[in-house]
PDB file of N, CA and C in Angstrom:
ATOM      1  N   MET A   1    -118.651   6.926-193.823  1.00  0.00           N
ATOM      2  CA  MET A   1    -117.671   7.574-193.025  1.00  0.00           C
ATOM      3  C   MET A   1    -118.308   7.850-191.594  1.00  0.00           C
ATOM      4  N   PRO A   2    -117.524   8.098-190.595  1.00  0.00           N
ATOM      5  CA  PRO A   2    -118.085   8.289-189.450  1.00  0.00           C
ATOM      6  C   PRO A   2    -119.152   9.554-189.232  1.00  0.00           C
ATOM      7  N   LYS A   3    -120.168   9.512-188.697  1.00  0.00           N
ATOM      8  CA  LYS A   3    -121.095  10.597-188.579  1.00  0.00           C
ATOM      9  C   LYS A   3    -120.269  11.794-188.000  1.00  0.00           C
ATOM     10  N   SER A   4    -119.466  11.593-187.043  1.00  0.00           N
ATOM     11  CA  SER A   4    -118.772  12.458-186.440  1.00  0.00           C
ATOM     12  C   SER A   4    -117.700  13.418-187.497  1.00  0.00           C
ATOM     13  N   GLN A   5    -117.522  12.830-188.607  1.00  0.00           N
ATOM     14  CA  GLN A   5    -116.838  13.605-189.637  1.00  0.00           C
ATOM     15  C   GLN A   5    -117.703  14.273-190.749  1.00  0.00           C
ATOM     16  N   VAL A   6    -118.982  14.229-190.423  1.00  0.00           N
ATOM     17  CA  VAL A   6    -119.887  14.872-191.376  1.00  0.00           C
ATOM     18  C   VAL A   6    -120.468  16.121-190.737  1.00  0.00           C
ATOM     19  N   PRO A   7    -120.371  17.404-191.359  1.00  0.00           N
ATOM     20  CA  PRO A   7    -120.897  18.487-190.593  1.00  0.00           C
ATOM     21  C   PRO A   7    -122.205  18.290-190.318  1.00  0.00           C
ATOM     22  N   SER A   8    -122.581  18.994-189.173  1.00  0.00           N
ATOM     23  CA  SER A   8    -123.991  18.893-188.739  1.00  0.00           C
ATOM     24  C   SER A   8    -125.109  19.241-189.682  1.00  0.00           C
ATOM     25  N   SER A   9    -124.734  20.237-190.566  1.00  0.00           N
ATOM     26  CA  SER A   9    -125.685  20.718-191.630  1.00  0.00           C
ATOM     27  C   SER A   9    -125.900  19.595-192.703  1.00  0.00           C
ATOM     28  N   ALA A  10    -125.047  18.462-192.836  1.00  0.00           N
ATOM     29  CA  ALA A  10    -125.080  17.436-193.688  1.00  0.00           C
ATOM     30  C   ALA A  10    -125.677  16.202-193.179  1.00  0.00           C
ATOM     31  N   GLN A  11    -125.652  15.988-191.902  1.00  0.00           N
ATOM     32  CA  GLN A  11    -126.064  14.856-191.268  1.00  0.00           C
ATOM     33  C   GLN A  11    -127.302  14.318-191.581  1.00  0.00           C
ATOM     34  N   GLU A  12    -128.338  15.276-191.797  1.00  0.00           N
ATOM     35  CA  GLU A  12    -129.742  14.774-192.043  1.00  0.00           C
ATOM     36  C   GLU A  12    -129.723  14.018-193.443  1.00  0.00           C
ATOM     37  N   ARG A  13    -128.656  14.174-194.211  1.00  0.00           N
ATOM     38  CA  ARG A  13    -128.584  13.464-195.450  1.00  0.00           C
ATOM     39  C   ARG A  13    -128.019  12.111-195.409  1.00  0.00           C
ATOM     40  N   CYS A  14    -127.572  11.622-194.275  1.00  0.00           N
ATOM     41  CA  CYS A  14    -127.107  10.391-194.020  1.00  0.00           C
ATOM     42  C   CYS A  14    -128.098   9.344-194.357  1.00  0.00           C
ATOM     43  N   MET A  15    -127.681   8.283-195.209  1.00  0.00           N
ATOM     44  CA  MET A  15    -128.828   7.340-195.451  1.00  0.00           C
ATOM     45  C   MET A  15    -128.428   6.063-194.753  1.00  0.00           C
ATOM     46  N   PRO A  16    -129.364   5.550-193.793  1.00  0.00           N
ATOM     47  CA  PRO A  16    -129.305   4.431-193.138  1.00  0.00           C
ATOM     48  C   PRO A  16    -129.237   3.009-193.890  1.00  0.00           C
ATOM     49  N   GLN A  17    -128.336   2.236-193.580  1.00  0.00           N
ATOM     50  CA  GLN A  17    -128.195   0.979-194.295  1.00  0.00           C
ATOM     51  C   GLN A  17    -128.216  -0.166-193.218  1.00  0.00           C
ATOM     52  N   ALA A  18    -129.091  -1.182-193.492  1.00  0.00           N
ATOM     53  CA  ALA A  18    -129.116  -2.290-192.348  1.00  0.00           C
ATOM     54  C   ALA A  18    -127.884  -3.001-192.347  1.00  0.00           C
ATOM     55  N   GLY A  19    -127.346  -3.149-191.214  1.00  0.00           N
ATOM     56  CA  GLY A  19    -126.161  -3.994-190.880  1.00  0.00           C
ATOM     57  C   GLY A  19    -124.917  -3.064-190.880  1.00  0.00           C
ATOM     58  N   ILE A  20    -125.066  -1.762-191.131  1.00  0.00           N
ATOM     59  CA  ILE A  20    -124.065  -0.766-191.016  1.00  0.00           C
ATOM     60  C   ILE A  20    -124.093  -0.084-189.627  1.00  0.00           C
ATOM     61  N   PRO A  21    -123.003   0.032-188.946  1.00  0.00           N
ATOM     62  CA  PRO A  21    -123.136   0.683-187.508  1.00  0.00           C
ATOM     63  C   PRO A  21    -123.764   1.993-187.652  1.00  0.00           C
ATOM     64  N   ASP A  22    -124.422   2.173-186.517  1.00  0.00           N
ATOM     65  CA  ASP A  22    -125.248   3.616-186.482  1.00  0.00           C
ATOM     66  C   ASP A  22    -124.246   4.858-186.406  1.00  0.00           C
ATOM     67  N   ASP A  23    -122.970   4.694-186.032  1.00  0.00           N
ATOM     68  CA  ASP A  23    -122.201   5.850-185.925  1.00  0.00           C
ATOM     69  C   ASP A  23    -121.506   6.044-187.182  1.00  0.00           C
ATOM     70  N   MET A  24    -121.905   5.176-188.259  1.00  0.00           N
ATOM     71  CA  MET A  24    -121.482   5.584-189.727  1.00  0.00           C
ATOM     72  C   MET A  24    -122.560   6.298-190.434  1.00  0.00           C
ATOM     73  N   CYS A  25    -121.994   6.955-191.524  1.00  0.00           N
ATOM     74  CA  CYS A  25    -122.996   7.777-192.533  1.00  0.00           C
ATOM     75  C   CYS A  25    -122.629   7.469-193.943  1.00  0.00           C
ATOM     76  N   THR A  26    -123.794   7.106-194.433  1.00  0.00           N
ATOM     77  CA  THR A  26    -123.635   7.124-195.887  1.00  0.00           C
ATOM     78  C   THR A  26    -124.170   8.303-196.552  1.00  0.00           C
ATOM     79  N   LEU A  27    -123.409   9.197-197.181  1.00  0.00           N
ATOM     80  CA  LEU A  27    -123.809  10.410-197.815  1.00  0.00           C
ATOM     81  C   LEU A  27    -124.057  10.090-199.322  1.00  0.00           C
ATOM     82  N   PRO A  28    -124.869  10.993-200.012  1.00  0.00           N
ATOM     83  CA  PRO A  28    -124.953  10.759-201.400  1.00  0.00           C
ATOM     84  C   PRO A  28    -123.587  10.797-202.013  1.00  0.00           C
ATOM     85  N   ASN A  29    -123.281  10.079-203.067  1.00  0.00           N
ATOM     86  CA  ASN A  29    -121.915   9.945-203.597  1.00  0.00           C
ATOM     87  C   ASN A  29    -122.003   9.272-205.197  1.00  0.00           C
ATOM     88  N   HIS A  30    -120.800   9.454-205.655  1.00  0.00           N
ATOM     89  CA  HIS A  30    -120.790   8.789-206.978  1.00  0.00           C
ATOM     90  C   HIS A  30    -119.344   8.136-207.055  1.00  0.00           C
ATOM     91  N   SER A  31    -119.230   7.158-207.871  1.00  0.00           N
ATOM     92  CA  SER A  31    -118.049   6.232-208.075  1.00  0.00           C
ATOM     93  C   SER A  31    -117.780   6.038-209.547  1.00  0.00           C
ATOM     94  N   LYS A  32    -116.493   5.871-209.741  1.00  0.00           N
ATOM     95  CA  LYS A  32    -115.808   5.680-211.010  1.00  0.00           C
ATOM     96  C   LYS A  32    -114.755   4.684-210.909  1.00  0.00           C
ATOM     97  N   ILE A  33    -114.691   3.556-211.654  1.00  0.00           N
ATOM     98  CA  ILE A  33    -113.463   2.736-212.063  1.00  0.00           C
ATOM     99  C   ILE A  33    -112.536   3.448-212.603  1.00  0.00           C
ATOM    100  N   THR A  34    -111.491   3.567-212.018  1.00  0.00           N
ATOM    101  CA  THR A  34    -110.159   4.279-212.707  1.00  0.00           C
ATOM    102  C   THR A  34    -109.281   3.415-213.280  1.00  0.00           C
ATOM    103  N   ALA A  35    -109.236   2.193-212.875  1.00  0.00           N
ATOM    104  CA  ALA A  35    -108.273   1.229-213.611  1.00  0.00           C
ATOM    105  C   ALA A  35    -108.653  -0.307-213.114  1.00  0.00           C
ATOM    106  N   ARG A  36    -108.134  -1.049-214.008  1.00  0.00           N
ATOM    107  CA  ARG A  36    -108.229  -2.582-213.794  1.00  0.00           C
ATOM    108  C   ARG A  36    -107.042  -2.917-213.190  1.00  0.00           C
ATOM    109  N   ILE A  37    -106.900  -3.928-212.459  1.00  0.00           N
ATOM    110  CA  ILE A  37    -105.802  -4.570-211.903  1.00  0.00           C
ATOM    111  C   ILE A  37    -105.556  -5.923-212.456  1.00  0.00           C
ATOM    112  N   GLY A  38    -104.247  -6.163-212.996  1.00  0.00           N
ATOM    113  CA  GLY A  38    -104.009  -7.363-213.528  1.00  0.00           C
ATOM    114  C   GLY A  38    -104.761  -7.729-214.861  1.00  0.00           C
ATOM    115  N   ALA A  39    -105.087  -8.922-214.942  1.00  0.00           N
ATOM    116  CA  ALA A  39    -105.784  -9.392-216.002  1.00  0.00           C
ATOM    117  C   ALA A  39    -107.291  -9.268-215.679  1.00  0.00           C
ATOM    118  N   SER A  40    -107.949  -8.625-214.847  1.00  0.00           N
ATOM    119  CA  SER A  40    -109.073  -8.359-214.651  1.00  0.00           C
ATOM    120  C   SER A  40    -110.078  -7.974-215.747  1.00  0.00           C
ATOM    121  N   LYS A  41    -111.077  -8.634-215.871  1.00  0.00           N
ATOM    122  CA  LYS A  41    -112.046  -8.471-217.108  1.00  0.00           C
ATOM    123  C   LYS A  41    -112.680  -7.000-216.913  1.00  0.00           C
ATOM    124  N   ALA A  42    -113.072  -6.534-217.990  1.00  0.00           N
ATOM    125  CA  ALA A  42    -113.942  -5.263-217.931  1.00  0.00           C
ATOM    126  C   ALA A  42    -115.156  -5.315-217.172  1.00  0.00           C
ATOM    127  N   PRO A  43    -115.710  -4.169-216.554  1.00  0.00           N
ATOM    128  CA  PRO A  43    -116.988  -4.212-215.893  1.00  0.00           C
ATOM    129  C   PRO A  43    -118.116  -4.406-217.104  1.00  0.00           C
ATOM    130  N   VAL A  44    -119.188  -4.917-216.704  1.00  0.00           N
ATOM    131  CA  VAL A  44    -120.324  -5.050-217.742  1.00  0.00           C
ATOM    132  C   VAL A  44    -121.418  -4.164-217.148  1.00  0.00           C
ATOM    133  N   GLU A  45    -122.340  -3.648-218.078  1.00  0.00           N
ATOM    134  CA  GLU A  45    -123.459  -3.235-217.744  1.00  0.00           C
ATOM    135  C   GLU A  45    -124.707  -3.959-217.613  1.00  0.00           C
ATOM    136  N   ASP A  46    -125.463  -3.948-216.585  1.00  0.00           N
ATOM    137  CA  ASP A  46    -126.593  -4.831-216.362  1.00  0.00           C
ATOM    138  C   ASP A  46    -127.646  -3.980-215.866  1.00  0.00           C
ATOM    139  N   GLY A  47    -128.716  -3.668-216.676  1.00  0.00           N
ATOM    140  CA  GLY A  47    -129.944  -2.802-216.377  1.00  0.00           C
ATOM    141  C   GLY A  47    -129.569  -1.473-215.814  1.00  0.00           C
ATOM    142  N   GLY A  48    -128.454  -0.895-216.270  1.00  0.00           N
ATOM    143  CA  GLY A  48    -128.118   0.501-215.850  1.00  0.00           C
ATOM    144  C   GLY A  48    -127.007   0.650-214.638  1.00  0.00           C
ATOM    145  N   ASP A  49    -126.752  -0.688-214.259  1.00  0.00           N
ATOM    146  CA  ASP A  49    -125.658  -0.645-213.127  1.00  0.00           C
ATOM    147  C   ASP A  49    -124.561  -1.365-213.731  1.00  0.00           C
ATOM    148  N   THR A  50    -123.366  -0.867-213.151  1.00  0.00           N
ATOM    149  CA  THR A  50    -122.001  -1.372-213.541  1.00  0.00           C
ATOM    150  C   THR A  50    -121.746  -2.608-212.661  1.00  0.00           C
ATOM    151  N   MET A  51    -121.389  -3.690-213.306  1.00  0.00           N
ATOM    152  CA  MET A  51    -121.022  -4.922-212.432  1.00  0.00           C
ATOM    153  C   MET A  51    -119.865  -5.361-212.669  1.00  0.00           C
ATOM    154  N   ILE A  52    -119.207  -5.799-211.590  1.00  0.00           N
ATOM    155  CA  ILE A  52    -117.726  -6.243-211.704  1.00  0.00           C
ATOM    156  C   ILE A  52    -117.814  -7.765-211.841  1.00  0.00           C
ATOM    157  N   PRO A  53    -117.208  -8.368-212.724  1.00  0.00           N
ATOM    158  CA  PRO A  53    -117.064  -9.751-212.996  1.00  0.00           C
ATOM    159  C   PRO A  53    -116.367 -10.442-211.525  1.00  0.00           C
ATOM    160  N   ALA A  54    -116.792 -11.595-211.368  1.00  0.00           N
ATOM    161  CA  ALA A  54    -116.316 -12.394-210.227  1.00  0.00           C
ATOM    162  C   ALA A  54    -114.732 -12.569-210.348  1.00  0.00           C
ATOM    163  N   GLY A  55    -114.077 -12.177-209.175  1.00  0.00           N
ATOM    164  CA  GLY A  55    -112.671 -12.335-209.232  1.00  0.00           C
ATOM    165  C   GLY A  55    -111.879 -11.083-209.652  1.00  0.00           C
ATOM    166  N   ALA A  56    -112.481 -10.068-210.246  1.00  0.00           N
ATOM    167  CA  ALA A  56    -111.843  -8.873-210.893  1.00  0.00           C
ATOM    168  C   ALA A  56    -111.491  -7.939-209.701  1.00  0.00           C
ATOM    169  N   SER A  57    -110.447  -7.282-209.974  1.00  0.00           N
ATOM    170  CA  SER A  57    -110.040  -6.059-209.008  1.00  0.00           C
ATOM    171  C   SER A  57    -109.839  -4.970-209.772  1.00  0.00           C
ATOM    172  N   TYR A  58    -110.085  -3.762-209.168  1.00  0.00           N
ATOM    173  CA  TYR A  58    -110.312  -2.502-209.646  1.00  0.00           C
ATOM    174  C   TYR A  58    -109.729  -1.406-208.712  1.00  0.00           C
ATOM    175  N   VAL A  59    -109.395  -0.331-209.208  1.00  0.00           N
ATOM    176  CA  VAL A  59    -109.151   0.984-208.539  1.00  0.00           C
ATOM    177  C   VAL A  59    -110.351   1.685-208.545  1.00  0.00           C
ATOM    178  N   VAL A  60    -111.070   2.158-207.461  1.00  0.00           N
ATOM    179  CA  VAL A  60    -112.290   2.759-207.742  1.00  0.00           C
ATOM    180  C   VAL A  60    -112.142   3.957-206.803  1.00  0.00           C
ATOM    181  N   ARG A  61    -112.824   5.012-207.468  1.00  0.00           N
ATOM    182  CA  ARG A  61    -112.856   6.304-206.971  1.00  0.00           C
ATOM    183  C   ARG A  61    -114.198   6.567-206.476  1.00  0.00           C
ATOM    184  N   ILE A  62    -114.399   6.830-205.069  1.00  0.00           N
ATOM    185  CA  ILE A  62    -115.682   7.052-204.591  1.00  0.00           C
ATOM    186  C   ILE A  62    -115.575   8.363-203.958  1.00  0.00           C
ATOM    187  N   ALA A  63    -116.573   9.355-204.315  1.00  0.00           N
ATOM    188  CA  ALA A  63    -116.513  10.862-203.812  1.00  0.00           C
ATOM    189  C   ALA A  63    -117.867  11.051-203.249  1.00  0.00           C
ATOM    190  N   SER A  64    -117.883  11.625-202.117  1.00  0.00           N
ATOM    191  CA  SER A  64    -119.052  12.220-201.578  1.00  0.00           C
ATOM    192  C   SER A  64    -119.519  13.451-202.200  1.00  0.00           C
ATOM    193  N   ASP A  65    -120.826  13.638-202.442  1.00  0.00           N
ATOM    194  CA  ASP A  65    -121.491  14.689-203.075  1.00  0.00           C
ATOM    195  C   ASP A  65    -121.692  15.941-202.308  1.00  0.00           C
ATOM    196  N   LEU A  66    -121.344  15.736-200.875  1.00  0.00           N
ATOM    197  CA  LEU A  66    -121.576  16.771-199.869  1.00  0.00           C
ATOM    198  C   LEU A  66    -120.189  16.989-199.060  1.00  0.00           C
ATOM    199  N   PRO A  67    -120.045  18.035-198.586  1.00  0.00           N
ATOM    200  CA  PRO A  67    -118.822  18.367-197.842  1.00  0.00           C
ATOM    201  C   PRO A  67    -118.667  17.518-196.445  1.00  0.00           C
ATOM    202  N   VAL A  68    -117.490  17.205-196.324  1.00  0.00           N
ATOM    203  CA  VAL A  68    -116.996  16.429-195.029  1.00  0.00           C
ATOM    204  C   VAL A  68    -116.100  17.072-194.329  1.00  0.00           C
ATOM    205  N   LYS A  69    -115.873  16.853-193.098  1.00  0.00           N
ATOM    206  CA  LYS A  69    -114.855  17.649-192.341  1.00  0.00           C
ATOM    207  C   LYS A  69    -113.261  17.584-192.830  1.00  0.00           C
ATOM    208  N   GLU A  70    -112.692  18.570-192.860  1.00  0.00           N
ATOM    209  CA  GLU A  70    -111.337  18.534-193.357  1.00  0.00           C
ATOM    210  C   GLU A  70    -110.413  17.382-192.828  1.00  0.00           C
ATOM    211  N   ASP A  71    -110.467  16.986-191.464  1.00  0.00           N
ATOM    212  CA  ASP A  71    -109.581  16.107-191.056  1.00  0.00           C
ATOM    213  C   ASP A  71    -109.989  14.653-191.109  1.00  0.00           C
ATOM    214  N   LEU A  72    -110.920  14.402-192.025  1.00  0.00           N
ATOM    215  CA  LEU A  72    -111.362  13.045-192.412  1.00  0.00           C
ATOM    216  C   LEU A  72    -110.209  12.439-192.978  1.00  0.00           C
ATOM    217  N   SER A  73    -109.754  11.323-192.735  1.00  0.00           N
ATOM    218  CA  SER A  73    -108.637  10.426-193.331  1.00  0.00           C
ATOM    219  C   SER A  73    -109.066   9.107-193.983  1.00  0.00           C
ATOM    220  N   ALA A  74    -108.290   8.571-194.670  1.00  0.00           N
ATOM    221  CA  ALA A  74    -108.635   7.272-195.418  1.00  0.00           C
ATOM    222  C   ALA A  74    -108.829   6.214-194.273  1.00  0.00           C
ATOM    223  N   ASP A  75    -108.202   6.281-193.228  1.00  0.00           N
ATOM    224  CA  ASP A  75    -108.441   5.215-192.086  1.00  0.00           C
ATOM    225  C   ASP A  75    -109.628   5.308-191.528  1.00  0.00           C
ATOM    226  N   ASP A  76    -110.530   6.582-191.562  1.00  0.00           N
ATOM    227  CA  ASP A  76    -111.922   6.687-191.176  1.00  0.00           C
ATOM    228  C   ASP A  76    -113.077   6.142-191.947  1.00  0.00           C
ATOM    229  N   LEU A  77    -112.579   5.808-193.353  1.00  0.00           N
ATOM    230  CA  LEU A  77    -113.654   5.387-194.130  1.00  0.00           C
ATOM    231  C   LEU A  77    -113.673   3.838-194.119  1.00  0.00           C
ATOM    232  N   ARG A  78    -114.954   3.523-194.455  1.00  0.00           N
ATOM    233  CA  ARG A  78    -115.208   2.112-194.600  1.00  0.00           C
ATOM    234  C   ARG A  78    -116.058   1.691-195.873  1.00  0.00           C
ATOM    235  N   LEU A  79    -116.081   0.367-196.351  1.00  0.00           N
ATOM    236  CA  LEU A  79    -116.719   0.164-197.679  1.00  0.00           C
ATOM    237  C   LEU A  79    -117.644  -0.956-197.371  1.00  0.00           C
ATOM    238  N   TYR A  80    -118.933  -0.799-197.692  1.00  0.00           N
ATOM    239  CA  TYR A  80    -119.793  -1.978-197.452  1.00  0.00           C
ATOM    240  C   TYR A  80    -120.677  -2.211-198.729  1.00  0.00           C
ATOM    241  N   VAL A  81    -120.917  -3.584-198.901  1.00  0.00           N
ATOM    242  CA  VAL A  81    -121.842  -4.116-200.096  1.00  0.00           C
ATOM    243  C   VAL A  81    -123.130  -4.207-199.251  1.00  0.00           C
ATOM    244  N   TRP A  82    -124.152  -3.543-199.536  1.00  0.00           N
ATOM    245  CA  TRP A  82    -125.488  -3.810-199.083  1.00  0.00           C
ATOM    246  C   TRP A  82    -126.741  -4.048-200.007  1.00  0.00           C
ATOM    247  N   ASN A  83    -126.477  -3.887-201.366  1.00  0.00           N
ATOM    248  CA  ASN A  83    -127.513  -4.109-202.283  1.00  0.00           C
ATOM    249  C   ASN A  83    -128.051  -5.493-202.046  1.00  0.00           C
ATOM    250  N   ALA A  84    -129.535  -5.704-202.143  1.00  0.00           N
ATOM    251  CA  ALA A  84    -130.198  -6.768-201.700  1.00  0.00           C
ATOM    252  C   ALA A  84    -129.768  -7.814-202.817  1.00  0.00           C
ATOM    253  N   ARG A  85    -129.309  -7.616-203.983  1.00  0.00           N
ATOM    254  CA  ARG A  85    -129.008  -8.340-205.046  1.00  0.00           C
ATOM    255  C   ARG A  85    -127.741  -9.234-204.482  1.00  0.00           C
ATOM    256  N   PHE A  86    -126.991  -8.560-203.718  1.00  0.00           N
ATOM    257  CA  PHE A  86    -125.620  -9.215-203.346  1.00  0.00           C
ATOM    258  C   PHE A  86    -125.724  -9.786-201.942  1.00  0.00           C
ATOM    259  N   THR A  87    -126.563  -9.467-201.234  1.00  0.00           N
ATOM    260  CA  THR A  87    -126.434 -10.017-199.876  1.00  0.00           C
ATOM    261  C   THR A  87    -127.864 -10.508-199.307  1.00  0.00           C
ATOM    262  N   SER A  88    -127.721 -11.994-199.043  1.00  0.00           N
ATOM    263  CA  SER A  88    -129.117 -12.622-198.852  1.00  0.00           C
ATOM    264  C   SER A  88    -129.919 -12.099-197.733  1.00  0.00           C
ATOM    265  N   ASP A  89    -129.267 -11.495-196.715  1.00  0.00           N
ATOM    266  CA  ASP A  89    -130.030 -11.040-195.448  1.00  0.00           C
ATOM    267  C   ASP A  89    -130.305  -9.503-195.596  1.00  0.00           C
ATOM    268  N   ARG A  90    -129.789  -8.869-196.807  1.00  0.00           N
ATOM    269  CA  ARG A  90    -130.163  -7.419-196.804  1.00  0.00           C
ATOM    270  C   ARG A  90    -129.283  -6.549-195.854  1.00  0.00           C
ATOM    271  N   LYS A  91    -128.224  -7.037-195.276  1.00  0.00           N
ATOM    272  CA  LYS A  91    -127.458  -6.381-194.326  1.00  0.00           C
ATOM    273  C   LYS A  91    -126.112  -5.927-195.052  1.00  0.00           C
ATOM    274  N   GLY A  92    -125.578  -4.882-194.675  1.00  0.00           N
ATOM    275  CA  GLY A  92    -124.216  -4.449-195.236  1.00  0.00           C
ATOM    276  C   GLY A  92    -123.266  -5.495-194.847  1.00  0.00           C
ATOM    277  N   VAL A  93    -122.311  -5.607-195.898  1.00  0.00           N
ATOM    278  CA  VAL A  93    -121.187  -6.608-195.527  1.00  0.00           C
ATOM    279  C   VAL A  93    -119.920  -5.767-195.753  1.00  0.00           C
ATOM    280  N   ARG A  94    -119.043  -5.624-194.759  1.00  0.00           N
ATOM    281  CA  ARG A  94    -118.035  -4.828-194.860  1.00  0.00           C
ATOM    282  C   ARG A  94    -116.845  -5.461-195.627  1.00  0.00           C
ATOM    283  N   LEU A  95    -116.356  -4.628-196.491  1.00  0.00           N
ATOM    284  CA  LEU A  95    -115.286  -5.127-197.377  1.00  0.00           C
ATOM    285  C   LEU A  95    -113.758  -4.425-196.828  1.00  0.00           C
ATOM    286  N   ALA A  96    -112.913  -5.362-196.858  1.00  0.00           N
ATOM    287  CA  ALA A  96    -111.532  -4.962-196.403  1.00  0.00           C
ATOM    288  C   ALA A  96    -110.869  -4.184-197.486  1.00  0.00           C
ATOM    289  N   PHE A  97    -110.272  -3.094-197.080  1.00  0.00           N
ATOM    290  CA  PHE A  97    -109.440  -2.386-197.990  1.00  0.00           C
ATOM    291  C   PHE A  97    -108.117  -3.108-198.057  1.00  0.00           C
ATOM    292  N   PRO A  98    -107.203  -3.049-199.327  1.00  0.00           N
ATOM    293  CA  PRO A  98    -105.990  -3.688-199.341  1.00  0.00           C
ATOM    294  C   PRO A  98    -105.089  -2.885-198.433  1.00  0.00           C
TER     295      PRO A  98
END
């Protein structure tokens, strides 16, 4: 989310991610798959991580563990994949929302 939408008291908790713009903030968060779309296969567990099979689509709820400003909207949010297992250059790759 944009740093400008994070209260100043929580901005120190922003976690920098390589390849993600400096004006964005990744706060501690948690996620949950709430539904599979179409014939998508179920996620699998791999070393404590939940992995999504190739080609699968899901509805995922991602929630910040810290407060954000009340006027934050869905249009302000961005989603990146940045884990080194999934990106060869270890930089965040922005995913498009449907």
